[in-house]
Amino acid sequence: MSGFRFPVGRLPDEALLSGLATGDPELALTFVRRFQHRVFGVAMAVTGDPQLAEDIAQQTFERAWRHAQIYDSRRGSVTTWLTTIAHNLAIDAVRARRTEPVAPEDLDALLGVVTETPERWALADEASSQLRAAVARLPREQARALVMAGVYGMTAQQVAEAEKIPLGTAKTRIRAAMQKLRTALTSPKRGDHVE
């Protein structure tokens, strides 16, 4: 190869992830800098605790480093993969801190966070924008059931008890919300292409 070197900051996300896997310090640093605000933002939006969000961000990058070789670009972008790791770690941290389910009246505030607050800037990637928009379009009762089940890990029975509705209704709301999200997020978008 010639002495020409492509600027590291302009490398595609996949190349930086590969560099992270090989242990290249320059590529690893560039990878972390590229995604640190987004990862911290996801953790902060879920936990509401800056210290915990920092810990989760660090765990996210450690997990990305350990599992970089299993990343599959056919299943989503590096950004989506990384923010999913952060989101799952944050949910686990929130669950570990909570001994009882969230009060249903607190869900309206949470749904606001998902749809229209400053955290939106931290979750600015296309996938999260689409998810927020899709959740915002759901009927309120379906969105509440979805958040209870998906974010807080409540069973359909727990959702039914919290909402004071029959179990079948809770299951239907969760299933309908998931189907609507799946349809909204898997519809082909104009302008999608592989570079």
Protein backbone atom coordinates (compact mmCIF):
# COMPACT_ATOMS: atom_id res chain seq x y z
CA MET A 1 0.00 0.00 0.00
CA SER A 2 1.07 3.58 -0.53
CA GLY A 3 1.62 6.06 2.30
CA PHE A 4 -1.87 7.49 1.78
CA ARG A 5 -4.10 7.11 4.82
CA PHE A 6 -7.83 7.74 4.78
CA PRO A 7 -8.85 10.19 7.54
CA VAL A 8 -10.07 8.06 10.45
CA GLY A 9 -12.93 10.43 11.22
CA ARG A 10 -14.40 9.84 7.76
CA LEU A 11 -14.40 6.04 7.97
CA PRO A 12 -17.80 4.34 7.81
CA ASP A 13 -19.30 3.13 11.08
CA GLU A 14 -18.71 -0.52 10.13
CA ALA A 15 -14.99 0.12 9.57
CA LEU A 16 -14.68 1.80 12.95
CA LEU A 17 -16.47 -1.12 14.60
CA SER A 18 -14.04 -3.53 12.93
CA GLY A 19 -11.16 -1.39 14.20
CA LEU A 20 -12.65 -1.51 17.69
CA ALA A 21 -12.72 -5.32 17.46
CA THR A 22 -9.05 -5.45 16.47
CA GLY A 23 -8.04 -3.22 19.36
CA ASP A 24 -6.72 -0.37 17.22
CA PRO A 25 -6.57 2.52 19.76
CA GLU A 26 -7.08 5.30 17.19
CA LEU A 27 -10.11 3.61 15.62
CA ALA A 28 -11.52 2.71 19.04
CA LEU A 29 -11.22 6.32 20.22
CA THR A 30 -12.86 7.60 17.04
CA PHE A 31 -15.66 5.03 17.43
CA VAL A 32 -16.37 6.09 21.02
CA ARG A 33 -16.27 9.80 20.15
CA ARG A 34 -18.65 9.28 17.23
CA PHE A 35 -21.28 7.54 19.34
CA GLN A 36 -20.72 8.71 22.93
CA HIS A 37 -23.38 11.44 22.97
CA ARG A 38 -26.02 9.22 21.39
CA VAL A 39 -25.28 6.27 23.71
CA PHE A 40 -25.27 8.51 26.80
CA GLY A 41 -28.51 10.13 25.60
CA VAL A 42 -30.27 6.79 25.29
CA ALA A 43 -29.09 5.74 28.75
CA MET A 44 -30.10 9.10 30.23
CA ALA A 45 -33.54 9.03 28.60
CA VAL A 46 -34.26 5.63 30.14
CA THR A 47 -32.66 6.05 33.58
CA GLY A 48 -32.94 9.78 34.27
CA ASP A 49 -29.72 9.45 36.30
CA PRO A 50 -26.52 11.02 34.87
CA GLN A 51 -24.14 8.84 36.90
CA LEU A 52 -25.97 5.64 36.00
CA ALA A 53 -26.16 6.77 32.36
CA GLU A 54 -22.36 7.22 32.32
CA ASP A 55 -21.90 3.72 33.71
CA ILE A 56 -24.28 2.31 31.12
CA ALA A 57 -22.49 4.16 28.31
CA GLN A 58 -19.19 2.62 29.41
CA GLN A 59 -20.75 -0.84 29.62
CA THR A 60 -22.23 -0.33 26.14
CA PHE A 61 -18.83 0.36 24.59
CA GLU A 62 -17.29 -2.56 26.48
CA ARG A 63 -20.00 -4.86 25.19
CA ALA A 64 -19.60 -3.49 21.65
CA TRP A 65 -15.87 -4.19 21.86
CA ARG A 66 -16.43 -7.76 23.11
CA HIS A 67 -19.15 -8.54 20.56
CA ALA A 68 -18.05 -6.50 17.54
CA GLN A 69 -17.37 -9.66 15.56
CA ILE A 70 -21.04 -10.74 15.76
CA TYR A 71 -22.41 -7.47 14.38
CA ASP A 72 -24.53 -8.18 11.28
CA SER A 73 -25.17 -5.21 9.01
CA ARG A 74 -28.20 -7.00 7.50
CA ARG A 75 -30.01 -6.60 10.83
CA GLY A 76 -29.47 -2.86 11.16
CA SER A 77 -26.92 -0.07 11.22
CA VAL A 78 -24.08 0.17 13.72
CA THR A 79 -25.94 3.07 15.32
CA THR A 80 -29.08 0.98 15.79
CA TRP A 81 -27.06 -1.96 17.14
CA LEU A 82 -25.18 0.23 19.60
CA THR A 83 -28.23 2.17 20.81
CA THR A 84 -30.08 -1.12 21.27
CA ILE A 85 -27.27 -2.36 23.51
CA ALA A 86 -27.42 0.89 25.51
CA HIS A 87 -31.20 0.76 25.74
CA ASN A 88 -31.22 -2.85 26.94
CA LEU A 89 -28.53 -2.19 29.53
CA ALA A 90 -30.42 0.88 30.76
CA ILE A 91 -33.67 -1.06 31.06
CA ASP A 92 -31.87 -3.77 33.01
CA ALA A 93 -30.42 -1.13 35.34
CA VAL A 94 -33.83 0.47 35.90
CA ARG A 95 -35.41 -2.93 36.55
CA ALA A 96 -32.68 -3.79 39.04
CA ARG A 97 -33.36 -0.58 40.96
CA ARG A 98 -37.15 -0.96 40.95
CA THR A 99 -38.84 -3.30 43.34
CA GLU A 100 -42.35 -2.52 42.18
CA PRO A 101 -43.94 -1.65 38.83
CA VAL A 102 -44.25 1.94 37.69
CA ALA A 103 -47.51 3.59 38.58
CA PRO A 104 -49.68 3.92 35.45
CA GLU A 105 -50.14 7.65 36.10
CA ASP A 106 -46.37 8.06 35.67
CA LEU A 107 -46.48 6.59 32.17
CA ASP A 108 -47.87 9.75 30.59
CA ALA A 109 -44.67 11.57 31.58
CA LEU A 110 -42.59 8.71 30.18
CA LEU A 111 -44.51 8.74 26.90
CA GLY A 112 -43.76 12.46 26.68
CA VAL A 113 -40.05 11.70 27.01
CA VAL A 114 -40.30 9.18 24.19
CA THR A 115 -42.10 11.55 21.87
CA GLU A 116 -41.27 15.22 22.42
CA THR A 117 -38.61 16.40 24.86
CA PRO A 118 -34.95 17.48 24.88
CA GLU A 119 -33.94 13.80 25.00
CA ARG A 120 -35.05 13.82 21.38
CA TRP A 121 -31.74 15.53 20.56
CA ALA A 122 -29.81 12.73 22.24
CA LEU A 123 -31.78 10.13 20.28
CA ALA A 124 -31.51 11.90 16.97
CA ASP A 125 -30.56 8.98 14.76
CA GLU A 126 -33.08 7.97 12.14
CA ALA A 127 -34.13 4.72 13.83
CA SER A 128 -35.02 6.39 17.11
CA SER A 129 -36.82 9.21 15.33
CA GLN A 130 -38.93 6.66 13.48
CA LEU A 131 -39.62 4.75 16.68
CA ARG A 132 -40.64 7.89 18.58
CA ALA A 133 -42.93 8.94 15.73
CA ALA A 134 -44.48 5.48 15.53
CA VAL A 135 -45.11 5.38 19.30
CA ALA A 136 -46.59 8.89 19.18
CA ARG A 137 -49.08 7.75 16.51
CA LEU A 138 -50.34 4.84 18.62
CA PRO A 139 -53.60 5.22 20.51
CA ARG A 140 -52.74 6.28 24.07
CA GLU A 141 -53.92 3.05 25.71
CA GLN A 142 -51.84 0.94 23.29
CA ALA A 143 -48.78 3.14 23.83
CA ARG A 144 -49.14 2.82 27.61
CA ALA A 145 -49.47 -0.99 27.41
CA LEU A 146 -46.49 -1.18 25.06
CA VAL A 147 -44.27 0.91 27.34
CA MET A 148 -45.33 -1.07 30.41
CA ALA A 149 -44.46 -4.35 28.69
CA GLY A 150 -41.53 -3.29 26.52
CA VAL A 151 -39.70 -0.79 28.67
CA TYR A 152 -40.62 -1.92 32.17
CA GLY A 153 -40.87 -5.63 31.42
CA MET A 154 -44.32 -6.02 32.92
CA THR A 155 -46.30 -9.12 32.00
CA ALA A 156 -49.67 -8.81 30.32
CA GLN A 157 -51.23 -9.78 33.67
CA GLN A 158 -49.37 -6.94 35.42
CA VAL A 159 -50.45 -4.50 32.69
CA ALA A 160 -54.05 -5.65 33.10
CA GLU A 161 -53.91 -5.15 36.87
CA ALA A 162 -52.22 -1.74 36.60
CA GLU A 163 -54.68 -0.48 33.99
CA LYS A 164 -57.66 -2.22 35.64
CA ILE A 165 -58.62 -3.96 32.40
CA PRO A 166 -59.24 -7.62 31.48
CA LEU A 167 -56.16 -9.72 30.70
CA GLY A 168 -57.35 -10.28 27.11
CA THR A 169 -57.61 -6.52 26.57
CA ALA A 170 -54.09 -5.98 27.87
CA LYS A 171 -52.75 -8.68 25.54
CA THR A 172 -54.65 -7.20 22.60
CA ARG A 173 -53.32 -3.69 23.28
CA ILE A 174 -49.72 -4.92 23.51
CA ARG A 175 -50.03 -7.09 20.41
CA ALA A 176 -51.76 -4.36 18.37
CA ALA A 177 -49.14 -1.80 19.37
CA MET A 178 -46.30 -4.16 18.43
CA GLN A 179 -47.89 -4.92 15.07
CA LYS A 180 -48.36 -1.23 14.32
CA LEU A 181 -44.74 -0.47 15.30
CA ARG A 182 -43.43 -3.39 13.23
CA THR A 183 -45.39 -2.18 10.20
CA ALA A 184 -44.28 1.42 10.68
CA LEU A 185 -40.62 0.51 11.15
CA THR A 186 -40.29 -2.12 8.42
CA SER A 187 -42.05 -0.23 5.64
CA PRO A 188 -39.56 0.61 2.88
CA LYS A 189 -38.54 4.24 3.02
CA ARG A 190 -37.89 6.34 0.00
CA GLY A 191 -34.22 7.02 -0.53
CA ASP A 192 -32.94 3.87 1.23
CA HIS A 193 -29.81 2.64 -0.45
CA VAL A 194 -26.54 0.99 0.33
CA GLU A 195 -23.46 3.11 -0.03
